[in-house]
Protein backbone atom coordinates (compact mmCIF):
# COMPACT_ATOMS: atom_id res chain seq x y z
CA LYS A 1 -50.66 -64.64 -64.33
CA VAL A 2 -50.88 -60.94 -63.46
CA VAL A 3 -52.24 -61.70 -59.97
CA ASP A 4 -49.36 -64.11 -59.36
CA GLN A 5 -46.97 -61.42 -60.56
CA LEU A 6 -48.48 -58.90 -58.15
CA PHE A 7 -48.57 -61.13 -55.08
CA GLY A 8 -45.19 -62.66 -55.92
CA LYS A 9 -43.65 -59.43 -54.60
CA PHE A 10 -45.07 -60.11 -51.13
CA LYS A 11 -44.12 -62.84 -48.70
CA SER A 12 -47.64 -64.12 -47.96
CA ASN A 13 -51.08 -64.40 -49.51
CA ALA A 14 -52.38 -61.61 -47.25
CA VAL A 15 -51.63 -57.91 -47.55
CA ASP A 16 -51.91 -55.56 -44.61
CA GLY A 17 -52.61 -51.86 -44.78
CA LYS A 18 -48.93 -50.97 -45.08
CA ASP A 19 -48.43 -53.14 -48.16
CA LEU A 20 -51.70 -52.08 -49.79
CA LEU A 21 -50.20 -48.86 -51.18
CA ASN A 22 -47.33 -50.79 -52.77
CA LEU A 23 -49.73 -53.35 -54.22
CA LEU A 24 -51.97 -50.68 -55.72
CA THR A 25 -49.03 -48.74 -57.15
CA LEU A 26 -47.53 -51.88 -58.66
CA SER A 27 -50.87 -52.80 -60.21
CA GLY A 28 -51.08 -49.28 -61.69
CA VAL A 29 -47.62 -49.66 -63.21
CA ILE A 30 -48.46 -53.06 -64.68
CA TYR A 31 -51.73 -51.70 -66.08
CA SER A 32 -49.94 -48.72 -67.67
CA VAL A 33 -47.32 -50.95 -69.29
CA LYS A 34 -49.95 -53.39 -70.63
CA LEU A 35 -52.09 -50.53 -71.95
CA HIS A 36 -49.05 -48.97 -73.65
CA LYS A 37 -48.22 -52.27 -75.35
CA MET A 38 -51.83 -52.72 -76.53
CA GLN A 39 -52.11 -49.19 -77.88
CA THR A 40 -48.72 -48.91 -79.57
CA GLY A 41 -47.60 -52.49 -80.14
CA ASP A 42 -44.26 -51.34 -78.73
CA ASN A 43 -42.52 -53.44 -76.08
CA GLY A 44 -40.76 -50.40 -74.64
CA LYS A 45 -41.70 -48.93 -71.31
CA PRO A 46 -44.10 -45.97 -71.29
CA LYS A 47 -43.17 -42.71 -69.62
CA LEU A 48 -44.63 -42.93 -66.10
CA ASN A 49 -44.87 -40.36 -63.33
CA LEU A 50 -44.48 -42.71 -60.36
CA ASN A 51 -44.82 -39.97 -57.76
CA ALA A 52 -48.19 -38.86 -59.16
CA MET A 53 -49.35 -42.47 -59.45
CA LYS A 54 -48.29 -43.23 -55.88
CA GLN A 55 -50.05 -40.11 -54.59
CA SER A 56 -53.22 -41.13 -56.41
CA MET A 57 -53.00 -44.67 -55.06
CA HIS A 58 -52.41 -43.28 -51.56
CA HIS A 59 -55.89 -41.76 -51.60
CA LEU A 60 -57.37 -45.03 -52.87
CA ALA A 61 -55.53 -47.03 -50.19
CA ALA A 62 -56.80 -44.69 -47.46
CA TYR A 63 -60.36 -45.11 -48.74
CA ILE A 64 -60.08 -48.92 -48.87
CA ILE A 65 -58.64 -49.12 -45.37
CA ARG A 66 -61.31 -46.83 -43.91
CA LYS A 67 -64.12 -48.57 -45.79
CA PHE A 68 -63.10 -52.21 -45.30
CA GLY A 69 -60.80 -52.11 -42.26
CA HIS A 70 -61.93 -52.80 -38.70
CA LYS A 71 -62.20 -49.87 -36.31
CA THR A 72 -60.66 -50.68 -32.93
CA ASP A 73 -61.10 -49.17 -29.47
CA GLU A 74 -57.42 -48.19 -29.55
CA THR A 75 -56.88 -44.45 -30.08
CA GLU A 76 -53.90 -42.41 -31.24
CA HIS A 77 -53.27 -38.73 -30.61
CA VAL A 78 -51.69 -36.59 -33.34
CA THR A 79 -50.42 -33.02 -33.27
CA ALA A 80 -49.36 -31.22 -36.44
CA ILE A 81 -48.69 -27.68 -37.63
CA ASP A 82 -50.94 -26.45 -40.44
CA ASP A 83 -50.00 -24.19 -43.36
CA TYR A 84 -50.65 -21.11 -41.22
CA GLY A 85 -48.34 -22.18 -38.39
CA GLN A 86 -51.18 -23.17 -36.07
CA MET A 87 -50.90 -26.35 -34.03
CA LYS A 88 -53.76 -28.76 -34.59
CA SER A 89 -54.41 -31.77 -32.34
CA ASP A 90 -56.87 -34.59 -32.64
CA SER A 91 -57.44 -38.19 -31.58
CA PHE A 92 -58.64 -40.95 -33.82
CA HIS A 93 -59.47 -44.64 -33.61
CA VAL A 94 -56.93 -47.04 -35.07
CA ILE A 95 -58.23 -49.06 -38.03
CA LYS A 96 -56.77 -52.54 -38.52
CA ALA A 97 -56.73 -53.82 -42.06
CA GLN A 98 -55.59 -57.12 -43.54
CA PHE A 99 -56.75 -58.31 -46.92
CA GLU A 100 -56.53 -61.88 -48.24
C-alpha cells in the first residue's frame, strides 16, 4: 500500500534521477508520519523540517545516482565561484539514471 502511495505521485513505474529526490523526500515524510502515529497513537501530523529532510535526501540521491547510474562519454563543463570569490572550473561525465 505504501509503495503504491509513493509511486502514485509519478506518471510511470520508472523514476529518473530528477524524480528520485522527490521520491526519497516523500518516503521520508511518510515514514515520519507513520513513526509518529506508532509512538504517540495520535493521528495528527508531526512537526517536520522539510528543508532539512530534503537536504539530507539530496545527499542520498546523489550517492544513489553515482553508485547505480550509468556513466556516459558525454561531458559537461561547469564554472562556479567559491566562498573566497575564486572561479573554479571543472568537467565531469554525465551519469544517466533511471530506476524501475
